[in-house]
Amino acid sequence: MMHISWKKLAIALAILPFVVVLAAWIGFFNVGASSGHWKITEWFLHFAMRSAVRT
């Protein structure tokens, strides 16, 4: 049985936001969203949209 330690889980969770931002930056996500988002979500969607258009 596979056992994941707390340390490995913490490292993976610490790296995850950077991977998501990198994927948005290279235009990996389809950002077809409307209005009504939190400020951080709106910023992220706008960032991903600009990156997708640029690539």
Protein backbone atom coordinates (compact mmCIF):
# COMPACT_ATOMS: atom_id res chain seq x y z
CA MET A 1 0.00 0.00 0.00
CA MET A 2 1.30 3.45 -0.93
CA HIS A 3 1.82 5.86 1.96
CA ILE A 4 2.26 9.59 1.39
CA SER A 5 4.02 11.39 4.22
CA TRP A 6 2.83 14.72 5.57
CA LYS A 7 6.10 16.31 4.46
CA LYS A 8 5.61 15.24 0.82
CA LEU A 9 1.99 16.39 0.91
CA ALA A 10 3.02 19.79 2.29
CA ILE A 11 5.68 20.18 -0.39
CA ALA A 12 3.21 19.26 -3.14
CA LEU A 13 0.64 21.74 -1.81
CA ALA A 14 3.31 24.46 -1.63
CA ILE A 15 4.33 23.88 -5.26
CA LEU A 16 0.78 23.62 -6.64
CA PRO A 17 0.03 27.39 -6.85
CA PHE A 18 3.21 27.96 -8.85
CA VAL A 19 2.27 25.19 -11.28
CA VAL A 20 -1.22 26.68 -11.75
CA VAL A 21 0.18 30.18 -12.39
CA LEU A 22 2.74 28.75 -14.82
CA ALA A 23 0.01 26.87 -16.71
CA ALA A 24 -2.06 30.07 -16.93
CA TRP A 25 0.97 32.09 -18.01
CA ILE A 26 1.72 29.78 -20.94
CA GLY A 27 -1.95 29.90 -22.02
CA PHE A 28 -2.90 26.34 -21.05
CA PHE A 29 -6.35 27.24 -19.68
CA ASN A 30 -9.41 28.23 -21.68
CA VAL A 31 -10.56 31.39 -19.92
CA GLY A 32 -14.11 31.90 -21.12
CA ALA A 33 -15.56 33.44 -17.96
CA SER A 34 -18.17 36.08 -17.24
CA SER A 35 -18.43 38.64 -14.45
CA GLY A 36 -19.16 38.34 -10.74
CA HIS A 37 -15.88 36.96 -9.39
CA TRP A 38 -13.81 37.70 -6.30
CA LYS A 39 -10.96 40.17 -6.93
CA ILE A 40 -8.26 37.48 -6.80
CA THR A 41 -10.26 35.26 -9.19
CA GLU A 42 -10.86 38.20 -11.53
CA TRP A 43 -7.13 39.00 -11.50
CA PHE A 44 -6.22 35.38 -12.24
CA LEU A 45 -8.73 35.07 -15.09
CA HIS A 46 -7.54 38.33 -16.64
CA PHE A 47 -3.91 37.21 -16.30
CA ALA A 48 -4.70 33.85 -17.93
CA MET A 49 -6.71 35.53 -20.72
CA ARG A 50 -3.87 37.92 -21.58
CA SER A 51 -1.37 35.06 -21.56
CA ALA A 52 -3.57 32.89 -23.77
CA VAL A 53 -4.03 35.70 -26.29
CA ARG A 54 -0.30 36.44 -26.32
CA THR A 55 0.64 32.83 -27.21
